[in-house]
Amino acid sequence: MGKLVRDKIPDIIRRSGRTPVVSVLGDSDYRAALIAKLFEESTELSEAGHDEVAAEIGDVLEVLRALAAVHGHTWHDIERIADAKRDERGAFADRLYLG
C-alpha cells in the first residue's frame, strides 16, 4: 500500500540507487490522501518526544497548507478565518477542559 509523500522524496530515492514507483493522484484521491497523511502526521506528533515536537508540528502544518490549497484557499485565508474564530470564541491558552 502506498502513501502520499513530499515532492522531493522520489528524487531522494533515485539518488540512493533505487527506483520509486510513483503516480500522480487526481483531485478526489489527493484530498483523501491528504486527510490520511494528516492522521499519520498527527499520530507521529502525539508520540513525539520533546526534541521531535517542532518537526512534527511542521509536518502537520505542511499537510494543512496543502489541504487549504486543494480546497482553493490561500494560507492567508485560513489565518484570517482562524483569527476571526479566535476573536469570537477564544484560543486554547487557558487550558480549559469542559467535562
Protein backbone atom coordinates (compact mmCIF):
# COMPACT_ATOMS: atom_id res chain seq x y z
CA MET A 1 0.00 0.00 0.00
CA GLY A 2 1.34 3.40 -0.95
CA LYS A 3 1.18 6.75 0.73
CA LEU A 4 1.40 10.40 -0.11
CA VAL A 5 4.98 11.69 0.04
CA ARG A 6 6.62 15.08 -0.19
CA ASP A 7 7.53 16.26 -3.69
CA LYS A 8 11.28 15.62 -3.45
CA ILE A 9 11.08 12.10 -1.98
CA PRO A 10 11.14 10.26 -5.35
CA ASP A 11 14.36 12.10 -6.31
CA ILE A 12 15.90 11.27 -2.95
CA ILE A 13 15.03 7.60 -3.51
CA ARG A 14 16.54 7.70 -7.03
CA ARG A 15 19.77 9.24 -5.72
CA SER A 16 20.07 6.29 -3.34
CA GLY A 17 20.08 3.94 -6.35
CA ARG A 18 16.53 2.68 -6.05
CA THR A 19 13.59 3.14 -8.41
CA PRO A 20 10.42 4.51 -6.83
CA VAL A 21 7.00 3.57 -8.16
CA VAL A 22 5.18 6.88 -8.32
CA SER A 23 1.80 8.00 -9.62
CA VAL A 24 0.10 11.38 -9.59
CA LEU A 25 -3.25 11.45 -7.80
CA GLY A 26 -6.42 13.02 -9.12
CA ASP A 27 -8.22 15.64 -7.06
CA SER A 28 -10.51 13.30 -5.10
CA ASP A 29 -7.76 10.79 -4.30
CA TYR A 30 -5.37 13.63 -3.43
CA ARG A 31 -7.85 15.07 -0.92
CA ALA A 32 -8.33 11.64 0.65
CA ALA A 33 -4.57 11.05 0.76
CA LEU A 34 -4.04 14.41 2.46
CA ILE A 35 -6.59 13.54 5.15
CA ALA A 36 -4.85 10.18 5.69
CA LYS A 37 -1.49 11.99 5.85
CA LEU A 38 -2.92 14.42 8.40
CA PHE A 39 -3.90 11.49 10.63
CA GLU A 40 -0.45 9.92 10.13
CA GLU A 41 1.39 13.12 10.99
CA SER A 42 -0.92 13.86 13.94
CA THR A 43 -0.22 10.40 15.33
CA GLU A 44 3.51 10.99 14.97
CA LEU A 45 3.08 14.32 16.76
CA SER A 46 1.20 12.69 19.64
CA GLU A 47 4.00 10.14 20.02
CA ALA A 48 6.90 12.59 19.61
CA GLY A 49 9.35 13.34 22.35
CA HIS A 50 10.22 16.89 23.36
CA ASP A 51 13.04 17.18 20.81
CA GLU A 52 10.86 16.00 17.89
CA VAL A 53 7.70 18.03 18.57
CA ALA A 54 8.66 21.09 16.50
CA ALA A 55 9.49 18.97 13.43
CA GLU A 56 6.23 17.05 13.75
CA ILE A 57 4.23 20.27 14.08
CA GLY A 58 5.97 21.40 10.90
CA ASP A 59 4.85 18.22 9.14
CA VAL A 60 1.24 18.76 10.25
CA LEU A 61 1.44 22.37 9.08
CA GLU A 62 2.69 21.30 5.63
CA VAL A 63 -0.27 18.95 5.24
CA LEU A 64 -2.68 21.67 6.36
CA ARG A 65 -1.22 24.09 3.80
CA ALA A 66 -1.74 21.50 1.05
CA LEU A 67 -5.32 20.86 2.21
CA ALA A 68 -6.07 24.58 2.14
CA ALA A 69 -4.66 24.89 -1.37
CA VAL A 70 -6.51 21.87 -2.77
CA HIS A 71 -9.75 23.37 -1.47
CA GLY A 72 -8.99 26.71 -3.11
CA HIS A 73 -7.91 28.66 -0.04
CA THR A 74 -4.71 30.60 0.50
CA TRP A 75 -2.89 30.28 3.79
CA HIS A 76 -3.78 33.94 4.35
CA ASP A 77 -7.48 32.97 4.06
CA ILE A 78 -7.02 30.28 6.70
CA GLU A 79 -5.20 32.62 9.09
CA ARG A 80 -7.91 35.28 8.67
CA ILE A 81 -10.65 32.73 9.43
CA ALA A 82 -8.72 31.38 12.41
CA ASP A 83 -8.15 34.91 13.74
CA ALA A 84 -11.87 35.69 13.47
CA LYS A 85 -12.78 32.47 15.27
CA ARG A 86 -10.20 33.22 17.98
CA ASP A 87 -11.66 36.71 18.43
CA GLU A 88 -15.18 35.28 18.75
CA ARG A 89 -14.54 32.10 20.77
CA GLY A 90 -11.05 32.46 22.19
CA ALA A 91 -7.99 30.27 21.84
CA PHE A 92 -6.77 27.35 23.95
CA ALA A 93 -4.31 29.33 26.07
CA ASP A 94 -6.33 28.99 29.28
CA ARG A 95 -6.23 25.17 29.06
CA LEU A 96 -9.95 24.92 29.82
CA TYR A 97 -11.39 21.40 29.79
CA LEU A 98 -15.17 21.07 29.74
CA GLY A 99 -16.28 17.81 31.26
